[in-house]
Amino acid sequence: CLSTADLEEIGPADSLTAAKSSVLHTQCESICELLGLEPDNKWCHLTALKLRWAINPDASAAKITEHFSALEKADPYRKVCYQDMRSKFLVEMGIPSFLKKRDFSLLNLADLGLTRLYHTHFFSAVSRVDLSNNRLSNMHGIALLITCQELNLNGNLLTEVEEDILCLIQLRVLS
């Protein structure tokens, strides 16, 4: 089996060679077969999730989401960790389409159940950001939204305004 370090060495899905892709597919098939025998095994779910994420996250998004849910049930002590990983996955899935549209006036990440913000450097040119109705409990990463003029944080788990918000010197509307 491949370890997490091996998967990180492989790099993003679009840089996979045919040989690496073949090895990952074989590993994924094996782990999915094992999941059939041990459906509550957290290590199988975690490995399958990482393999699918490395191979083709777009085509496997539904399965990856199922693995996150299964992990939260199988390992409740690490539920927050899995929710943060899911947040990273969801943001990474949205980056290509966001960059492709070339309209940086609005970033809509509302209603995704995000618990953390990842890769905010990709969104530094956005003027309006909607992060409403997520599960954010802090604003880590928000300081990189340097051109943000409107920020919607309604419906999150925030209890105070953090210092990071002071870095948003163009911010005019905060809700």
N, C-alpha and C. Protein backbone atom coordinates (compact mmCIF):
# COMPACT_ATOMS: atom_id res chain seq x y z
N CYS A 1 0.83 -1.20 0.00
CA CYS A 1 0.00 0.00 0.00
C CYS A 1 0.87 1.25 0.00
N LEU A 2 0.33 2.31 -0.54
CA LEU A 2 1.03 3.59 -0.54
C LEU A 2 0.74 4.33 0.75
N SER A 3 1.75 4.97 1.29
CA SER A 3 1.55 5.78 2.49
C SER A 3 1.14 7.19 2.07
N THR A 4 0.74 7.99 3.05
CA THR A 4 0.38 9.39 2.78
C THR A 4 1.57 10.13 2.18
N ALA A 5 2.77 9.84 2.68
CA ALA A 5 3.98 10.48 2.14
C ALA A 5 4.17 10.13 0.67
N ASP A 6 3.89 8.88 0.31
CA ASP A 6 3.99 8.47 -1.09
C ASP A 6 3.01 9.25 -1.95
N LEU A 7 1.79 9.42 -1.46
CA LEU A 7 0.78 10.15 -2.22
C LEU A 7 1.16 11.61 -2.40
N GLU A 8 1.75 12.21 -1.37
CA GLU A 8 2.15 13.61 -1.47
C GLU A 8 3.32 13.75 -2.44
N GLU A 9 4.18 12.75 -2.51
CA GLU A 9 5.29 12.78 -3.46
C GLU A 9 4.81 12.75 -4.90
N ILE A 10 3.70 12.06 -5.12
CA ILE A 10 3.18 11.89 -6.48
C ILE A 10 2.78 13.22 -7.08
N GLY A 11 2.23 14.12 -6.28
CA GLY A 11 1.85 15.43 -6.76
C GLY A 11 0.43 15.48 -7.24
N PRO A 12 0.05 16.62 -7.83
CA PRO A 12 -1.33 16.80 -8.27
C PRO A 12 -1.73 15.84 -9.38
N ALA A 13 -3.04 15.61 -9.48
CA ALA A 13 -3.57 14.63 -10.42
C ALA A 13 -3.15 14.90 -11.86
N ASP A 14 -3.08 16.17 -12.27
CA ASP A 14 -2.76 16.47 -13.66
C ASP A 14 -1.30 16.21 -14.00
N SER A 15 -0.46 15.94 -13.00
CA SER A 15 0.94 15.67 -13.27
C SER A 15 1.26 14.18 -13.21
N LEU A 16 0.25 13.33 -13.08
CA LEU A 16 0.49 11.90 -12.99
C LEU A 16 0.94 11.34 -14.33
N THR A 17 1.97 10.53 -14.29
CA THR A 17 2.36 9.80 -15.48
C THR A 17 1.45 8.59 -15.61
N ALA A 18 1.47 7.96 -16.75
CA ALA A 18 0.63 6.77 -16.96
C ALA A 18 1.00 5.67 -15.96
N ALA A 19 2.28 5.52 -15.70
CA ALA A 19 2.73 4.48 -14.77
C ALA A 19 2.24 4.76 -13.36
N LYS A 20 2.38 6.00 -12.90
CA LYS A 20 1.93 6.36 -11.55
C LYS A 20 0.42 6.22 -11.44
N SER A 21 -0.28 6.66 -12.47
CA SER A 21 -1.73 6.56 -12.47
C SER A 21 -2.17 5.11 -12.39
N SER A 22 -1.50 4.25 -13.13
CA SER A 22 -1.82 2.82 -13.12
C SER A 22 -1.62 2.22 -11.73
N VAL A 23 -0.52 2.58 -11.09
CA VAL A 23 -0.25 2.08 -9.74
C VAL A 23 -1.33 2.56 -8.77
N LEU A 24 -1.69 3.83 -8.86
CA LEU A 24 -2.72 4.37 -7.97
C LEU A 24 -4.07 3.71 -8.20
N HIS A 25 -4.42 3.47 -9.46
CA HIS A 25 -5.68 2.79 -9.77
C HIS A 25 -5.69 1.38 -9.18
N THR A 26 -4.58 0.67 -9.32
CA THR A 26 -4.48 -0.68 -8.76
C THR A 26 -4.62 -0.65 -7.24
N GLN A 27 -3.95 0.31 -6.60
CA GLN A 27 -4.06 0.45 -5.15
C GLN A 27 -5.49 0.78 -4.74
N CYS A 28 -6.13 1.66 -5.49
CA CYS A 28 -7.49 2.06 -5.19
C CYS A 28 -8.45 0.87 -5.32
N GLU A 29 -8.28 0.09 -6.35
CA GLU A 29 -9.11 -1.11 -6.53
C GLU A 29 -8.94 -2.06 -5.36
N SER A 30 -7.69 -2.25 -4.93
CA SER A 30 -7.42 -3.15 -3.80
C SER A 30 -8.05 -2.64 -2.51
N ILE A 31 -7.91 -1.36 -2.26
CA ILE A 31 -8.44 -0.80 -1.03
C ILE A 31 -9.96 -0.82 -1.04
N CYS A 32 -10.56 -0.61 -2.20
CA CYS A 32 -12.02 -0.65 -2.30
C CYS A 32 -12.53 -2.08 -2.10
N GLU A 33 -11.78 -3.04 -2.55
CA GLU A 33 -12.13 -4.44 -2.30
C GLU A 33 -12.07 -4.74 -0.80
N LEU A 34 -11.05 -4.23 -0.15
CA LEU A 34 -10.92 -4.40 1.29
C LEU A 34 -12.06 -3.69 2.03
N LEU A 35 -12.46 -2.53 1.53
CA LEU A 35 -13.59 -1.80 2.12
C LEU A 35 -14.88 -2.62 2.05
N GLY A 36 -15.01 -3.42 1.00
CA GLY A 36 -16.17 -4.30 0.89
C GLY A 36 -16.19 -5.32 2.02
N LEU A 37 -15.02 -5.73 2.46
CA LEU A 37 -14.91 -6.70 3.56
C LEU A 37 -14.97 -6.04 4.93
N GLU A 38 -14.43 -4.83 5.01
CA GLU A 38 -14.38 -4.09 6.28
C GLU A 38 -14.92 -2.67 6.07
N PRO A 39 -16.24 -2.52 5.95
CA PRO A 39 -16.81 -1.22 5.60
C PRO A 39 -16.63 -0.13 6.65
N ASP A 40 -16.29 -0.49 7.89
CA ASP A 40 -16.11 0.52 8.94
C ASP A 40 -14.65 0.80 9.25
N ASN A 41 -13.75 0.31 8.43
CA ASN A 41 -12.32 0.48 8.68
C ASN A 41 -11.88 1.89 8.27
N LYS A 42 -11.49 2.69 9.27
CA LYS A 42 -11.15 4.10 8.98
C LYS A 42 -9.92 4.20 8.09
N TRP A 43 -8.97 3.29 8.24
CA TRP A 43 -7.75 3.36 7.43
C TRP A 43 -8.06 3.09 5.96
N CYS A 44 -8.98 2.19 5.72
CA CYS A 44 -9.39 1.94 4.33
C CYS A 44 -10.08 3.17 3.74
N HIS A 45 -10.96 3.78 4.51
CA HIS A 45 -11.64 4.98 4.01
C HIS A 45 -10.65 6.12 3.76
N LEU A 46 -9.73 6.30 4.70
CA LEU A 46 -8.75 7.38 4.55
C LEU A 46 -7.85 7.14 3.34
N THR A 47 -7.41 5.91 3.16
CA THR A 47 -6.55 5.59 2.02
C THR A 47 -7.32 5.73 0.71
N ALA A 48 -8.54 5.22 0.66
CA ALA A 48 -9.35 5.34 -0.55
C ALA A 48 -9.60 6.81 -0.89
N LEU A 49 -9.89 7.60 0.13
CA LEU A 49 -10.11 9.03 -0.05
C LEU A 49 -8.87 9.69 -0.66
N LYS A 50 -7.70 9.43 -0.07
CA LYS A 50 -6.45 10.04 -0.56
C LYS A 50 -6.14 9.59 -1.99
N LEU A 51 -6.37 8.31 -2.27
CA LEU A 51 -6.10 7.81 -3.62
C LEU A 51 -7.03 8.46 -4.64
N ARG A 52 -8.30 8.52 -4.33
CA ARG A 52 -9.25 9.14 -5.26
C ARG A 52 -8.93 10.62 -5.46
N TRP A 53 -8.54 11.29 -4.38
CA TRP A 53 -8.19 12.70 -4.43
C TRP A 53 -6.98 12.90 -5.34
N ALA A 54 -6.02 11.97 -5.28
CA ALA A 54 -4.80 12.07 -6.10
C ALA A 54 -5.06 11.71 -7.56
N ILE A 55 -5.92 10.74 -7.79
CA ILE A 55 -6.14 10.25 -9.16
C ILE A 55 -7.01 11.19 -9.97
N ASN A 56 -8.23 11.43 -9.50
CA ASN A 56 -9.16 12.28 -10.25
C ASN A 56 -10.23 12.81 -9.30
N PRO A 57 -9.95 13.90 -8.62
CA PRO A 57 -10.90 14.41 -7.63
C PRO A 57 -12.23 14.84 -8.22
N ASP A 58 -12.23 15.36 -9.44
CA ASP A 58 -13.49 15.80 -10.06
C ASP A 58 -14.45 14.63 -10.25
N ALA A 59 -13.95 13.56 -10.81
CA ALA A 59 -14.79 12.39 -11.10
C ALA A 59 -15.17 11.64 -9.83
N SER A 60 -14.38 11.81 -8.77
CA SER A 60 -14.61 11.05 -7.54
C SER A 60 -15.18 11.88 -6.41
N ALA A 61 -15.65 13.08 -6.68
CA ALA A 61 -16.09 14.00 -5.62
C ALA A 61 -17.16 13.38 -4.72
N ALA A 62 -18.14 12.71 -5.30
CA ALA A 62 -19.21 12.12 -4.49
C ALA A 62 -18.66 11.01 -3.59
N LYS A 63 -17.80 10.17 -4.14
CA LYS A 63 -17.21 9.08 -3.35
C LYS A 63 -16.31 9.64 -2.25
N ILE A 64 -15.56 10.68 -2.57
CA ILE A 64 -14.67 11.29 -1.58
C ILE A 64 -15.50 11.85 -0.42
N THR A 65 -16.61 12.49 -0.75
CA THR A 65 -17.51 13.01 0.28
C THR A 65 -18.06 11.88 1.15
N GLU A 66 -18.40 10.75 0.53
CA GLU A 66 -18.87 9.59 1.29
C GLU A 66 -17.78 9.09 2.25
N HIS A 67 -16.55 9.08 1.78
CA HIS A 67 -15.44 8.64 2.65
C HIS A 67 -15.27 9.58 3.83
N PHE A 68 -15.41 10.89 3.61
CA PHE A 68 -15.33 11.84 4.72
C PHE A 68 -16.41 11.55 5.76
N SER A 69 -17.63 11.31 5.31
CA SER A 69 -18.73 11.00 6.23
C SER A 69 -18.46 9.71 7.00
N ALA A 70 -17.98 8.70 6.29
CA ALA A 70 -17.67 7.42 6.94
C ALA A 70 -16.56 7.58 7.97
N LEU A 71 -15.57 8.41 7.66
CA LEU A 71 -14.47 8.65 8.60
C LEU A 71 -14.97 9.33 9.87
N GLU A 72 -15.87 10.30 9.71
CA GLU A 72 -16.41 11.00 10.88
C GLU A 72 -17.17 10.04 11.79
N LYS A 73 -17.85 9.06 11.20
CA LYS A 73 -18.59 8.08 12.00
C LYS A 73 -17.64 7.05 12.62
N ALA A 74 -16.66 6.60 11.85
CA ALA A 74 -15.76 5.55 12.32
C ALA A 74 -14.75 6.05 13.34
N ASP A 75 -14.42 7.33 13.28
CA ASP A 75 -13.39 7.89 14.16
C ASP A 75 -13.85 9.24 14.70
N PRO A 76 -14.82 9.26 15.61
CA PRO A 76 -15.38 10.52 16.08
C PRO A 76 -14.38 11.41 16.82
N TYR A 77 -13.31 10.84 17.34
CA TYR A 77 -12.31 11.66 18.04
C TYR A 77 -11.54 12.57 17.09
N ARG A 78 -11.52 12.24 15.82
CA ARG A 78 -10.83 13.05 14.82
C ARG A 78 -11.80 13.72 13.84
N LYS A 79 -13.03 13.84 14.26
CA LYS A 79 -14.08 14.41 13.41
C LYS A 79 -13.71 15.80 12.89
N VAL A 80 -13.19 16.65 13.76
CA VAL A 80 -12.82 18.01 13.36
C VAL A 80 -11.71 17.97 12.30
N CYS A 81 -10.77 17.08 12.47
CA CYS A 81 -9.68 16.93 11.48
C CYS A 81 -10.26 16.55 10.11
N TYR A 82 -11.20 15.61 10.09
CA TYR A 82 -11.81 15.20 8.82
C TYR A 82 -12.66 16.32 8.22
N GLN A 83 -13.32 17.10 9.07
CA GLN A 83 -14.10 18.23 8.57
C GLN A 83 -13.18 19.28 7.95
N ASP A 84 -12.02 19.51 8.57
CA ASP A 84 -11.05 20.45 8.00
C ASP A 84 -10.51 19.94 6.67
N MET A 85 -10.23 18.63 6.59
CA MET A 85 -9.76 18.04 5.33
C MET A 85 -10.82 18.20 4.25
N ARG A 86 -12.08 17.99 4.62
CA ARG A 86 -13.19 18.14 3.68
C ARG A 86 -13.26 19.59 3.19
N SER A 87 -13.06 20.54 4.10
CA SER A 87 -13.05 21.95 3.71
C SER A 87 -11.96 22.22 2.68
N LYS A 88 -10.78 21.68 2.93
CA LYS A 88 -9.67 21.86 1.99
C LYS A 88 -10.03 21.26 0.63
N PHE A 89 -10.62 20.08 0.64
CA PHE A 89 -11.03 19.42 -0.60
C PHE A 89 -12.04 20.29 -1.36
N LEU A 90 -13.04 20.80 -0.67
CA LEU A 90 -14.07 21.61 -1.34
C LEU A 90 -13.50 22.89 -1.93
N VAL A 91 -12.60 23.53 -1.21
CA VAL A 91 -11.98 24.75 -1.74
C VAL A 91 -11.12 24.40 -2.95
N GLU A 92 -10.33 23.33 -2.86
CA GLU A 92 -9.49 22.92 -3.99
C GLU A 92 -10.33 22.57 -5.21
N MET A 93 -11.49 21.98 -4.99
CA MET A 93 -12.36 21.64 -6.12
C MET A 93 -12.89 22.89 -6.82
N GLY A 94 -13.07 23.97 -6.06
CA GLY A 94 -13.62 25.19 -6.65
C GLY A 94 -12.61 26.11 -7.30
N ILE A 95 -11.34 25.94 -7.00
CA ILE A 95 -10.32 26.85 -7.52
C ILE A 95 -10.24 26.86 -9.05
N PRO A 96 -10.17 25.71 -9.73
CA PRO A 96 -10.04 25.77 -11.20
C PRO A 96 -11.18 26.51 -11.90
N SER A 97 -12.42 26.25 -11.48
CA SER A 97 -13.53 26.94 -12.14
C SER A 97 -13.54 28.43 -11.80
N PHE A 98 -13.14 28.77 -10.58
CA PHE A 98 -13.07 30.18 -10.19
C PHE A 98 -12.03 30.92 -11.04
N LEU A 99 -10.85 30.31 -11.21
CA LEU A 99 -9.80 30.96 -11.99
C LEU A 99 -10.14 31.00 -13.48
N LYS A 100 -10.84 29.99 -13.95
CA LYS A 100 -11.20 29.93 -15.37
C LYS A 100 -12.21 31.01 -15.75
N LYS A 101 -13.14 31.34 -14.85
CA LYS A 101 -14.18 32.32 -15.21
C LYS A 101 -13.64 33.74 -15.30
N ARG A 102 -12.51 34.00 -14.64
CA ARG A 102 -11.83 35.29 -14.70
C ARG A 102 -12.69 36.47 -14.23
N ASP A 103 -13.73 36.18 -13.49
CA ASP A 103 -14.55 37.24 -12.89
C ASP A 103 -14.28 37.21 -11.39
N PHE A 104 -13.46 38.14 -10.94
CA PHE A 104 -13.03 38.13 -9.56
C PHE A 104 -13.85 39.07 -8.68
N SER A 105 -15.05 39.41 -9.13
CA SER A 105 -15.86 40.31 -8.33
C SER A 105 -16.51 39.59 -7.15
N LEU A 106 -16.84 38.29 -7.29
CA LEU A 106 -17.52 37.56 -6.23
C LEU A 106 -16.93 36.17 -6.06
N LEU A 107 -16.63 35.85 -4.82
CA LEU A 107 -16.27 34.48 -4.44
C LEU A 107 -17.38 33.97 -3.55
N ASN A 108 -18.10 32.96 -4.01
CA ASN A 108 -19.22 32.41 -3.26
C ASN A 108 -18.84 31.04 -2.72
N LEU A 109 -18.56 30.99 -1.43
CA LEU A 109 -18.29 29.74 -0.73
C LEU A 109 -19.32 29.53 0.37
N ALA A 110 -20.53 30.01 0.13
CA ALA A 110 -21.61 29.89 1.10
C ALA A 110 -22.18 28.48 1.11
N ASP A 111 -22.69 28.08 2.27
CA ASP A 111 -23.44 26.83 2.43
C ASP A 111 -22.67 25.57 2.07
N LEU A 112 -21.37 25.56 2.27
CA LEU A 112 -20.56 24.37 1.97
C LEU A 112 -20.18 23.58 3.22
N GLY A 113 -20.47 24.12 4.39
CA GLY A 113 -20.09 23.44 5.62
C GLY A 113 -18.61 23.57 5.93
N LEU A 114 -17.97 24.61 5.41
CA LEU A 114 -16.54 24.81 5.63
C LEU A 114 -16.24 25.04 7.11
N THR A 115 -15.19 24.41 7.60
CA THR A 115 -14.75 24.62 8.97
C THR A 115 -13.46 25.42 9.02
N ARG A 116 -12.76 25.49 7.90
CA ARG A 116 -11.52 26.27 7.78
C ARG A 116 -11.42 26.83 6.38
N LEU A 117 -10.62 27.88 6.26
CA LEU A 117 -10.35 28.46 4.94
C LEU A 117 -8.98 27.99 4.47
N TYR A 118 -8.91 27.57 3.25
CA TYR A 118 -7.66 27.12 2.66
C TYR A 118 -7.43 27.85 1.34
N HIS A 119 -6.18 27.99 0.98
CA HIS A 119 -5.77 28.52 -0.33
C HIS A 119 -6.35 29.92 -0.60
N THR A 120 -6.46 30.74 0.42
CA THR A 120 -7.04 32.07 0.22
C THR A 120 -6.17 32.96 -0.66
N HIS A 121 -4.91 32.60 -0.82
CA HIS A 121 -4.04 33.39 -1.71
C HIS A 121 -4.55 33.38 -3.15
N PHE A 122 -5.31 32.36 -3.53
CA PHE A 122 -5.90 32.32 -4.88
C PHE A 122 -7.00 33.36 -5.04
N PHE A 123 -7.53 33.84 -3.95
CA PHE A 123 -8.68 34.74 -3.98
C PHE A 123 -8.34 36.17 -3.57
N SER A 124 -7.08 36.52 -3.64
CA SER A 124 -6.64 37.84 -3.15
C SER A 124 -7.20 39.00 -3.98
N ALA A 125 -7.66 38.77 -5.19
CA ALA A 125 -8.17 39.84 -6.05
C ALA A 125 -9.69 39.99 -5.99
N VAL A 126 -10.34 39.25 -5.12
CA VAL A 126 -11.80 39.25 -5.05
C VAL A 126 -12.30 40.45 -4.25
N SER A 127 -13.35 41.10 -4.76
CA SER A 127 -13.88 42.27 -4.05
C SER A 127 -15.05 41.92 -3.12
N ARG A 128 -15.81 40.86 -3.43
CA ARG A 128 -16.93 40.44 -2.57
C ARG A 128 -16.77 38.95 -2.24
N VAL A 129 -16.83 38.64 -0.95
CA VAL A 129 -16.65 37.25 -0.51
C VAL A 129 -17.85 36.84 0.34
N ASP A 130 -18.49 35.74 -0.05
CA ASP A 130 -19.62 35.22 0.71
C ASP A 130 -19.22 33.89 1.34
N LEU A 131 -19.04 33.91 2.64
CA LEU A 131 -18.70 32.71 3.41
C LEU A 131 -19.84 32.37 4.38
N SER A 132 -21.03 32.81 4.07
CA SER A 132 -22.16 32.63 4.98
C SER A 132 -22.58 31.17 5.10
N ASN A 133 -23.18 30.88 6.24
CA ASN A 133 -23.78 29.57 6.51
C ASN A 133 -22.80 28.41 6.37
N ASN A 134 -21.63 28.60 6.92
CA ASN A 134 -20.65 27.53 7.04
C ASN A 134 -20.48 27.21 8.52
N ARG A 135 -19.40 26.55 8.87
CA ARG A 135 -19.12 26.23 10.27
C ARG A 135 -17.77 26.81 10.69
N LEU A 136 -17.44 27.98 10.17
CA LEU A 136 -16.17 28.62 10.49
C LEU A 136 -16.19 29.11 11.93
N SER A 137 -15.15 28.78 12.69
CA SER A 137 -15.05 29.24 14.08
C SER A 137 -13.91 30.24 14.25
N ASN A 138 -13.13 30.45 13.19
CA ASN A 138 -12.07 31.45 13.22
C ASN A 138 -11.89 32.02 11.81
N MET A 139 -11.08 33.05 11.73
CA MET A 139 -10.88 33.73 10.44
C MET A 139 -9.47 33.54 9.90
N HIS A 140 -8.80 32.47 10.27
CA HIS A 140 -7.44 32.23 9.78
C HIS A 140 -7.45 32.19 8.25
N GLY A 141 -6.56 32.94 7.65
CA GLY A 141 -6.46 33.01 6.19
C GLY A 141 -7.21 34.17 5.58
N ILE A 142 -8.05 34.81 6.34
CA ILE A 142 -8.87 35.90 5.81
C ILE A 142 -8.02 37.11 5.43
N ALA A 143 -6.88 37.27 6.07
CA ALA A 143 -6.02 38.44 5.81
C ALA A 143 -5.49 38.47 4.38
N LEU A 144 -5.50 37.34 3.70
CA LEU A 144 -5.00 37.30 2.32
C LEU A 144 -6.02 37.80 1.30
N LEU A 145 -7.22 38.08 1.74
CA LEU A 145 -8.25 38.63 0.85
C LEU A 145 -8.08 40.15 0.77
N ILE A 146 -6.94 40.59 0.30
CA ILE A 146 -6.49 41.98 0.42
C ILE A 146 -7.34 43.00 -0.33
N THR A 147 -8.08 42.58 -1.35
CA THR A 147 -8.92 43.53 -2.09
C THR A 147 -10.39 43.40 -1.73
N CYS A 148 -10.69 42.63 -0.73
CA CYS A 148 -12.08 42.40 -0.32
C CYS A 148 -12.71 43.69 0.21
N GLN A 149 -13.86 44.03 -0.38
CA GLN A 149 -14.61 45.20 0.06
C GLN A 149 -15.88 44.82 0.81
N GLU A 150 -16.44 43.65 0.49
CA GLU A 150 -17.64 43.15 1.16
C GLU A 150 -17.39 41.72 1.60
N LEU A 151 -17.64 41.44 2.87
CA LEU A 151 -17.39 40.12 3.44
C LEU A 151 -18.61 39.68 4.23
N ASN A 152 -19.20 38.57 3.83
CA ASN A 152 -20.38 38.02 4.51
C ASN A 152 -19.96 36.78 5.30
N LEU A 153 -20.02 36.89 6.61
CA LEU A 153 -19.69 35.79 7.52
C LEU A 153 -20.90 35.33 8.33
N ASN A 154 -22.10 35.76 7.95
CA ASN A 154 -23.32 35.39 8.68
C ASN A 154 -23.48 33.87 8.73
N GLY A 155 -24.04 33.40 9.84
CA GLY A 155 -24.37 31.99 9.95
C GLY A 155 -23.18 31.08 10.20
N ASN A 156 -22.10 31.61 10.76
CA ASN A 156 -20.94 30.81 11.11
C ASN A 156 -20.85 30.67 12.62
N LEU A 157 -19.82 30.04 13.11
CA LEU A 157 -19.63 29.81 14.54
C LEU A 157 -18.67 30.82 15.16
N LEU A 158 -18.51 31.95 14.52
CA LEU A 158 -17.59 32.98 15.01
C LEU A 158 -18.17 33.65 16.25
N THR A 159 -17.32 33.85 17.25
CA THR A 159 -17.78 34.49 18.48
C THR A 159 -17.18 35.87 18.68
N GLU A 160 -16.12 36.18 17.92
CA GLU A 160 -15.49 37.49 18.02
C GLU A 160 -14.83 37.86 16.70
N VAL A 161 -14.60 39.13 16.51
CA VAL A 161 -13.88 39.61 15.34
C VAL A 161 -12.40 39.53 15.67
N GLU A 162 -11.66 38.83 14.84
CA GLU A 162 -10.24 38.62 15.09
C GLU A 162 -9.39 39.70 14.44
N GLU A 163 -8.15 39.80 14.87
CA GLU A 163 -7.21 40.80 14.35
C GLU A 163 -7.00 40.70 12.85
N ASP A 164 -7.10 39.51 12.30
CA ASP A 164 -6.87 39.32 10.86
C ASP A 164 -7.75 40.23 10.02
N ILE A 165 -8.91 40.57 10.52
CA ILE A 165 -9.83 41.42 9.78
C ILE A 165 -9.25 42.82 9.55
N LEU A 166 -8.36 43.24 10.42
CA LEU A 166 -7.74 44.56 10.30
C LEU A 166 -6.83 44.67 9.07
N CYS A 167 -6.40 43.54 8.54
CA CYS A 167 -5.56 43.54 7.34
C CYS A 167 -6.36 43.87 6.08
N LEU A 168 -7.67 43.78 6.17
CA LEU A 168 -8.52 44.04 5.01
C LEU A 168 -8.82 45.54 4.94
N ILE A 169 -7.84 46.30 4.47
CA ILE A 169 -7.95 47.75 4.51
C ILE A 169 -8.99 48.31 3.54
N GLN A 170 -9.40 47.53 2.54
CA GLN A 170 -10.42 47.99 1.60
C GLN A 170 -11.83 47.56 2.01
N LEU A 171 -11.96 46.83 3.12
CA LEU A 171 -13.25 46.31 3.57
C LEU A 171 -14.19 47.45 3.92
N ARG A 172 -15.38 47.44 3.31
CA ARG A 172 -16.39 48.47 3.55
C ARG A 172 -17.62 47.89 4.23
N VAL A 173 -17.96 46.63 3.90
CA VAL A 173 -19.17 46.00 4.43
C VAL A 173 -18.78 44.66 5.07
N LEU A 174 -19.12 44.50 6.33
CA LEU A 174 -18.88 43.24 7.05
C LEU A 174 -20.20 42.81 7.66
N SER A 175 -20.64 41.64 7.29
CA SER A 175 -21.90 41.13 7.87
C SER A 175 -21.70 39.70 8.32
